[in-house]
């Protein structure tokens, strides 16, 4: 990749954050409204003794919460990542970075700092890096390992964003041999691999292939939250690319709803993270009840991050309180108990799962 292409990558990062902050980029329909936890009128628990902590890939987290991969790769994102990381470290939850492609390919200390600031701000937090599946085909294992070393990562996320690429005016739409690249890296890399979607969900069939490839965790990132197709539609309009704008708008609501995607993936993979439109601790509780090990949020943390780490910490504490309340009224003293909680599935999510024979 030449320097001009890398600079375009950097500028695109800035575009994305600005659009998410300023425009309507959310879809609807996670499916969590169709998941009804059964109320336990006699929980026989001390609320204050409820333990929401989990073990995730050998690391203890205070709660099953992830600050999902958002940004990095532009100097304007440094303070956002600093605030997010500080909050993750203070509260004991996990945090992911946005794609590290710019950090690997641009010789720019300010760009690099937008990534390295995370480990500086949170020396003991569970931090995971991020590269695109398409980039894995281009990089040897040593280059991928540099992404891990850049932030002393506890894991590496490999993101699948091919709908976004199809809408991007400059998108990479060659999706061949990505599974083989994922398997190659999974076998050789020093850190665990998390494969994540970017807002369109993962089916059971793909989760099975990822499990067979040795992937350590799957993050469904289903439909119902931020729409990257919609974000790229805005960018296409500015770039005077009417066809890409039309496609991005048409596919704005495309994908597998998060609740259904979680249920599908749980049937095929031992470690599933539910994200995509998760907005409350009750959503987190529902995701865990249908089988997820943890749940993640991205956009809800962006505005607090611009206000500073204390605002992010307050948002995390709100989520944990909501989750703990759901645990209390389902009689769940631990996350393991919550994964066994009774629930009823209704509506479109039930129809989806039923027709897919899950």
Protein backbone atom coordinates (compact mmCIF):
# COMPACT_ATOMS: atom_id res chain seq x y z
CA UNK A 1 0.00 0.00 0.00
CA UNK A 2 1.31 3.42 -0.88
CA UNK A 3 1.39 6.41 1.44
CA UNK A 4 -1.54 8.06 -0.31
CA UNK A 5 -3.75 4.99 0.29
CA UNK A 6 -2.69 4.94 3.94
CA UNK A 7 -3.53 8.62 4.29
CA UNK A 8 -6.98 7.88 2.85
CA UNK A 9 -7.38 5.25 5.57
CA UNK A 10 -6.52 7.87 8.19
CA UNK A 11 -8.98 10.39 6.76
CA UNK A 12 -11.69 7.73 6.61
CA UNK A 13 -11.31 7.11 10.35
CA UNK A 14 -11.97 10.78 11.03
CA UNK A 15 -14.98 10.75 8.68
CA UNK A 16 -16.47 7.77 10.50
CA UNK A 17 -16.29 9.33 13.96
CA UNK A 18 -17.72 12.62 12.73
CA UNK A 19 -20.64 10.93 10.96
CA UNK A 20 -21.46 8.71 13.96
CA UNK A 21 -21.50 11.79 16.19
CA UNK A 22 -23.51 14.03 13.86
CA UNK A 23 -25.87 11.88 11.76
CA UNK A 24 -28.61 9.29 12.22
CA UNK A 25 -26.68 6.03 11.96
CA UNK A 26 -28.75 3.62 14.04
CA UNK A 27 -31.09 0.89 12.86
CA UNK A 28 -33.70 -0.91 14.92
CA UNK A 29 -34.69 -4.48 15.61
CA UNK A 30 -32.07 -6.27 17.72
CA UNK A 31 -34.69 -8.82 18.69
CA UNK A 32 -34.10 -8.38 22.42
CA UNK A 33 -37.69 -7.14 22.81
CA UNK A 34 -38.68 -10.71 21.89
CA UNK A 35 -36.60 -12.18 24.75
CA UNK A 36 -38.65 -12.19 27.97
CA UNK A 37 -36.81 -13.18 31.12
CA UNK A 38 -39.09 -15.00 33.56
CA UNK A 39 -39.52 -13.00 36.76
CA UNK A 40 -38.51 -14.69 40.01
CA UNK A 41 -40.76 -13.33 42.76
CA UNK A 42 -38.72 -15.04 45.49
CA UNK A 43 -35.09 -14.66 44.42
CA UNK A 44 -33.70 -15.65 47.86
CA UNK A 45 -30.61 -13.56 47.16
CA UNK A 46 -28.76 -10.66 48.74
CA UNK A 47 -28.57 -8.08 45.93
CA UNK A 48 -25.22 -6.82 47.21
CA UNK A 49 -23.74 -10.32 47.11
CA UNK A 50 -24.52 -10.87 43.41
CA UNK A 51 -21.31 -11.43 41.45
CA UNK A 52 -21.36 -10.31 37.79
CA UNK A 53 -17.69 -11.15 37.16
CA UNK A 54 -16.60 -13.60 34.46
CA UNK A 55 -13.50 -15.38 33.25
CA UNK A 56 -12.88 -14.50 29.61
CA UNK A 57 -10.03 -16.20 27.76
CA UNK A 58 -8.19 -16.65 31.05
CA UNK A 59 -8.73 -13.07 32.27
CA UNK A 60 -11.10 -12.04 35.03
CA UNK A 61 -13.48 -9.22 34.13
CA UNK A 62 -15.60 -7.46 36.76
CA UNK A 63 -18.65 -7.77 34.50
CA UNK A 64 -19.43 -9.37 31.11
CA UNK A 65 -19.10 -6.02 29.36
CA UNK A 66 -17.01 -4.98 26.35
CA UNK A 67 -16.35 -1.50 25.06
CA UNK A 68 -16.58 -2.58 21.46
CA UNK A 69 -14.00 -1.66 18.84
CA UNK A 70 -14.60 1.88 17.68
CA UNK A 71 -11.66 3.94 16.60
CA UNK A 72 -7.96 4.70 16.27
CA UNK A 73 -5.78 5.69 13.35
CA UNK A 74 -6.25 9.47 13.46
CA UNK A 75 -4.89 12.03 15.91
CA UNK A 76 -8.46 13.18 16.61
CA UNK A 77 -9.24 9.77 18.13
CA UNK A 78 -6.43 9.72 20.70
CA UNK A 79 -8.33 11.40 23.52
CA UNK A 80 -11.41 9.28 22.87
CA UNK A 81 -9.37 6.11 23.21
CA UNK A 82 -7.59 7.47 26.28
CA UNK A 83 -10.92 8.09 28.05
CA UNK A 84 -12.34 4.70 27.06
CA UNK A 85 -9.23 2.83 28.16
CA UNK A 86 -8.96 4.65 31.47
CA UNK A 87 -12.59 3.79 32.21
CA UNK A 88 -12.11 0.15 31.20
CA UNK A 89 -9.09 -0.10 33.47
CA UNK A 90 -10.84 1.54 36.41
CA UNK A 91 -13.96 -0.62 36.14
CA UNK A 92 -12.32 -3.91 35.13
CA UNK A 93 -14.12 -4.50 31.85
CA UNK A 94 -12.75 -5.22 28.36
CA UNK A 95 -12.03 -2.80 25.54
CA UNK A 96 -11.37 -3.21 21.83
CA UNK A 97 -9.57 -0.89 19.43
CA UNK A 98 -10.62 0.14 15.97
CA UNK A 99 -8.68 -1.22 13.00
CA UNK A 100 -4.90 -0.93 13.47
CA UNK A 101 -4.21 -0.88 9.76
CA UNK A 102 -3.18 2.78 9.84
CA UNK A 103 -0.83 2.10 12.76
CA UNK A 104 0.93 -0.62 10.80
CA UNK A 105 1.14 1.20 7.49
CA UNK A 106 1.60 4.88 8.35
CA UNK A 107 4.94 6.18 9.60
CA UNK A 108 3.33 8.77 11.86
CA UNK A 109 3.86 9.02 15.61
CA UNK A 110 0.57 10.84 16.20
CA UNK A 111 -1.33 8.04 14.45
CA UNK A 112 0.55 5.42 16.43
CA UNK A 113 -0.24 7.22 19.67
CA UNK A 114 -3.98 6.92 18.95
CA UNK A 115 -3.47 3.20 19.57
CA UNK A 116 -0.66 3.01 22.13
CA UNK A 117 -2.47 5.47 24.42
CA UNK A 118 -4.86 2.64 25.31
CA UNK A 119 -2.28 0.47 27.05
CA UNK A 120 -0.67 3.51 28.62
CA UNK A 121 -4.01 4.52 30.13
CA UNK A 122 -5.01 0.99 31.17
CA UNK A 123 -1.93 -1.12 31.92
CA UNK A 124 -3.91 -3.98 33.46
CA UNK A 125 -7.12 -3.97 31.40
CA UNK A 126 -8.18 -6.65 28.94
CA UNK A 127 -7.44 -4.89 25.64
CA UNK A 128 -7.85 -6.43 22.23
CA UNK A 129 -6.50 -5.21 18.93
CA UNK A 130 -8.21 -5.22 15.56
CA UNK A 131 -7.47 -5.93 11.91
CA UNK A 132 -9.72 -6.59 8.93
CA UNK A 133 -10.02 -10.09 7.50
CA UNK A 134 -9.03 -8.76 4.09
CA UNK A 135 -5.79 -7.36 5.54
CA UNK A 136 -4.84 -10.77 6.97
CA UNK A 137 -4.34 -12.02 3.42
CA UNK A 138 -1.84 -9.23 2.78
CA UNK A 139 0.12 -9.47 6.04
CA UNK A 140 2.52 -12.16 7.14
CA UNK A 141 2.23 -13.43 10.70
CA UNK A 142 5.08 -11.17 11.83
CA UNK A 143 3.14 -8.09 10.71
CA UNK A 144 -0.01 -9.28 12.48
CA UNK A 145 2.10 -9.92 15.57
CA UNK A 146 3.21 -6.27 15.41
CA UNK A 147 -0.43 -5.26 15.85
CA UNK A 148 -0.52 -7.31 19.05
CA UNK A 149 2.78 -5.90 20.29
CA UNK A 150 1.72 -2.32 19.46
CA UNK A 151 -0.70 -2.31 22.39
CA UNK A 152 0.45 -5.40 24.32
CA UNK A 153 -2.92 -6.88 23.34
CA UNK A 154 -4.60 -9.67 25.27
CA UNK A 155 -6.37 -10.78 22.08
CA UNK A 156 -6.79 -9.72 18.47
CA UNK A 157 -10.16 -9.11 16.83
CA UNK A 158 -10.49 -9.84 13.13
CA UNK A 159 -13.40 -7.85 11.75
CA UNK A 160 -15.71 -8.87 8.93
CA UNK A 161 -17.15 -5.81 7.20
CA UNK A 162 -17.81 -6.82 3.63
CA UNK A 163 -21.16 -5.05 3.31
CA UNK A 164 -19.42 -1.85 4.42
CA UNK A 165 -16.68 -2.45 1.87
CA UNK A 166 -19.28 -2.99 -0.87
CA UNK A 167 -20.78 0.44 -0.13
CA UNK A 168 -17.49 2.33 0.36
CA UNK A 169 -16.44 4.24 -2.75
CA UNK A 170 -12.90 2.96 -2.10
CA UNK A 171 -13.96 -0.42 -0.64
CA UNK A 172 -12.09 -3.73 -0.96
CA UNK A 173 -14.67 -6.18 -2.30
CA UNK A 174 -12.42 -9.18 -2.83
CA UNK A 175 -13.52 -11.53 -0.02
CA UNK A 176 -11.72 -14.64 -1.28
CA UNK A 177 -9.48 -16.76 0.98
CA UNK A 178 -10.24 -14.83 4.17
CA UNK A 179 -11.20 -17.96 6.13
CA UNK A 180 -7.85 -19.55 5.25
CA UNK A 181 -6.06 -16.37 6.36
CA UNK A 182 -7.95 -16.41 9.66
CA UNK A 183 -7.04 -20.05 10.24
CA UNK A 184 -3.38 -19.37 9.40
CA UNK A 185 -3.18 -16.53 11.91
CA UNK A 186 -5.13 -18.44 14.56
CA UNK A 187 -2.58 -21.24 14.44
CA UNK A 188 0.48 -18.99 14.58
CA UNK A 189 -0.35 -15.86 16.58
CA UNK A 190 0.69 -15.48 20.22
CA UNK A 191 -2.69 -13.99 21.22
CA UNK A 192 -6.22 -15.45 21.06
CA UNK A 193 -8.38 -14.53 18.07
CA UNK A 194 -11.86 -13.00 18.24
CA UNK A 195 -13.72 -12.80 14.94
CA UNK A 196 -16.35 -10.06 14.89
CA UNK A 197 -18.90 -8.69 12.48
CA UNK A 198 -19.55 -4.98 12.21
CA UNK A 199 -23.32 -4.68 12.44
CA UNK A 200 -24.79 -7.38 10.20
CA UNK A 201 -24.55 -10.49 12.37
CA UNK A 202 -22.95 -13.93 12.06
CA UNK A 203 -24.94 -17.01 11.09
CA UNK A 204 -24.62 -20.44 12.65
CA UNK A 205 -22.98 -21.76 9.49
CA UNK A 206 -20.22 -19.14 9.65
CA UNK A 207 -19.80 -19.64 13.41
CA UNK A 208 -19.24 -23.34 12.77
CA UNK A 209 -16.55 -22.60 10.18
CA UNK A 210 -14.85 -20.22 12.58
CA UNK A 211 -14.94 -22.80 15.36
CA UNK A 212 -13.36 -25.36 13.01
CA UNK A 213 -10.68 -22.79 12.12
CA UNK A 214 -9.71 -22.56 15.81
CA UNK A 215 -11.09 -19.07 16.47
CA UNK A 216 -11.27 -18.48 20.24
CA UNK A 217 -14.40 -16.28 20.35
CA UNK A 218 -17.09 -14.97 18.01
CA UNK A 219 -18.60 -11.48 18.38
CA UNK A 220 -21.90 -11.44 16.50
CA UNK A 221 -22.22 -7.63 16.11
CA UNK A 222 -25.71 -8.11 14.74
CA UNK A 223 -28.32 -5.85 13.21
CA UNK A 224 -30.00 -3.31 15.43
CA UNK A 225 -27.30 -0.80 16.27
CA UNK A 226 -24.96 1.35 14.22
CA UNK A 227 -25.32 0.74 10.49
CA UNK A 228 -22.00 0.97 8.67
CA UNK A 229 -23.86 0.68 5.39
CA UNK A 230 -25.67 3.87 6.37
CA UNK A 231 -22.44 5.58 7.43
CA UNK A 232 -20.82 4.78 4.09
CA UNK A 233 -23.96 6.00 2.30
CA UNK A 234 -23.38 9.43 3.85
CA UNK A 235 -19.75 9.35 2.73
CA UNK A 236 -20.75 8.25 -0.77
CA UNK A 237 -23.15 11.18 -1.07
CA UNK A 238 -20.39 13.64 -0.17
CA UNK A 239 -18.04 11.92 -2.64
CA UNK A 240 -20.69 12.29 -5.40
CA UNK A 241 -21.04 8.51 -5.78
CA UNK A 242 -24.83 8.17 -6.32
CA UNK A 243 -24.82 4.43 -6.95
CA UNK A 244 -22.89 3.69 -3.74
CA UNK A 245 -25.19 6.07 -1.84
CA UNK A 246 -28.23 4.24 -3.19
CA UNK A 247 -26.80 0.82 -2.27
CA UNK A 248 -25.80 1.98 1.21
CA UNK A 249 -29.30 3.32 1.84
CA UNK A 250 -30.95 0.17 0.46
CA UNK A 251 -28.90 -2.11 2.73
CA UNK A 252 -29.11 0.12 5.80
CA UNK A 253 -31.34 -2.42 7.62
CA UNK A 254 -29.57 -5.52 6.31
CA UNK A 255 -28.43 -8.28 8.62
CA UNK A 256 -29.26 -10.91 11.20
CA UNK A 257 -30.82 -9.33 14.31
CA UNK A 258 -28.49 -9.52 17.29
CA UNK A 259 -30.66 -11.78 19.45
CA UNK A 260 -31.16 -14.31 16.64
CA UNK A 261 -27.50 -14.17 15.64
CA UNK A 262 -26.48 -14.81 19.24
CA UNK A 263 -28.75 -17.86 19.49
CA UNK A 264 -27.39 -19.18 16.17
CA UNK A 265 -23.76 -18.73 17.14
CA UNK A 266 -24.18 -20.18 20.64
CA UNK A 267 -25.34 -23.41 18.97
CA UNK A 268 -22.05 -23.62 17.05
CA UNK A 269 -19.32 -21.93 19.12
CA UNK A 270 -18.31 -22.23 22.77
CA UNK A 271 -17.54 -18.53 23.33
CA UNK A 272 -19.90 -15.87 21.96
CA UNK A 273 -20.00 -12.10 22.55
CA UNK A 274 -23.33 -10.45 21.80
CA UNK A 275 -23.13 -6.93 20.40
CA UNK A 276 -25.07 -4.81 17.95
CA UNK A 277 -27.68 -2.44 19.33
CA UNK A 278 -27.07 -3.43 22.95
CA UNK A 279 -28.09 -0.37 24.92
CA UNK A 280 -28.90 -1.41 28.50
CA UNK A 281 -27.84 -3.80 31.20
CA UNK A 282 -31.16 -5.60 30.63
CA UNK A 283 -30.09 -6.21 27.01
CA UNK A 284 -26.85 -7.63 28.36
CA UNK A 285 -28.78 -9.92 30.72
CA UNK A 286 -30.98 -11.16 27.90
CA UNK A 287 -27.95 -11.83 25.70
CA UNK A 288 -26.37 -13.90 28.44
CA UNK A 289 -29.61 -15.76 29.15
CA UNK A 290 -29.75 -16.93 25.51
CA UNK A 291 -26.18 -18.21 25.81
CA UNK A 292 -23.65 -15.42 25.27
CA UNK A 293 -20.62 -15.21 27.54
CA UNK A 294 -20.44 -11.41 27.38
CA UNK A 295 -21.98 -8.45 25.61
CA UNK A 296 -20.59 -5.31 24.04
CA UNK A 297 -21.55 -1.72 23.27
CA UNK A 298 -19.87 0.88 21.08
CA UNK A 299 -21.85 4.01 20.14
CA UNK A 300 -23.33 4.52 23.65
CA UNK A 301 -19.79 5.09 24.91
CA UNK A 302 -18.75 7.58 22.23
CA UNK A 303 -20.43 10.71 23.61
CA UNK A 304 -19.32 9.99 27.20
CA UNK A 305 -15.76 9.46 25.91
CA UNK A 306 -15.73 12.96 24.44
CA UNK A 307 -16.70 14.25 27.91
CA UNK A 308 -13.89 12.35 29.64
CA UNK A 309 -13.23 9.09 31.49
CA UNK A 310 -15.50 9.90 34.44
CA UNK A 311 -18.51 10.07 32.11
CA UNK A 312 -17.58 6.68 30.64
CA UNK A 313 -17.18 5.19 34.12
CA UNK A 314 -20.63 6.48 35.09
CA UNK A 315 -22.14 4.86 31.97
CA UNK A 316 -20.45 1.55 32.79
CA UNK A 317 -21.68 1.69 36.39
CA UNK A 318 -25.23 2.32 35.13
CA UNK A 319 -25.01 -0.74 32.89
CA UNK A 320 -23.67 -2.93 35.69
CA UNK A 321 -26.46 -1.78 38.03
CA UNK A 322 -29.06 -2.60 35.37
CA UNK A 323 -27.48 -6.00 34.77
CA UNK A 324 -27.29 -6.74 38.50
CA UNK A 325 -30.96 -5.84 38.90
CA UNK A 326 -31.88 -8.27 36.11
CA UNK A 327 -29.79 -10.92 37.87
CA UNK A 328 -31.59 -10.20 41.16
CA UNK A 329 -35.08 -10.62 39.72
CA UNK A 330 -34.16 -13.82 37.88
CA UNK A 331 -32.62 -15.37 40.98
CA UNK A 332 -29.14 -15.37 39.45
CA UNK A 333 -26.28 -14.96 41.91
CA UNK A 334 -23.66 -15.32 39.17
CA UNK A 335 -23.32 -15.02 35.43
CA UNK A 336 -23.28 -18.82 35.24
CA UNK A 337 -26.70 -18.79 36.92
CA UNK A 338 -27.94 -16.12 34.52
CA UNK A 339 -26.97 -18.29 31.56
CA UNK A 340 -29.42 -20.87 32.96
CA UNK A 341 -32.23 -18.37 33.60
CA UNK A 342 -35.66 -19.14 32.17
CA UNK A 343 -36.87 -17.01 29.26
CA UNK A 344 -39.63 -16.99 26.69
CA UNK A 345 -38.94 -16.20 23.03
CA UNK A 346 -41.68 -14.53 21.01
CA UNK A 347 -42.33 -12.56 17.83
CA UNK A 348 -39.99 -12.25 14.87
CA UNK A 349 -37.03 -13.67 16.80
CA UNK A 350 -38.97 -16.84 17.58
CA UNK A 351 -40.04 -17.10 13.93
CA UNK A 352 -36.46 -16.53 12.76
CA UNK A 353 -34.99 -19.16 15.08
CA UNK A 354 -37.81 -21.60 14.38
CA UNK A 355 -37.45 -21.36 10.61
CA UNK A 356 -33.70 -21.72 10.91
CA UNK A 357 -34.23 -24.91 12.97
CA UNK A 358 -32.04 -23.72 15.82
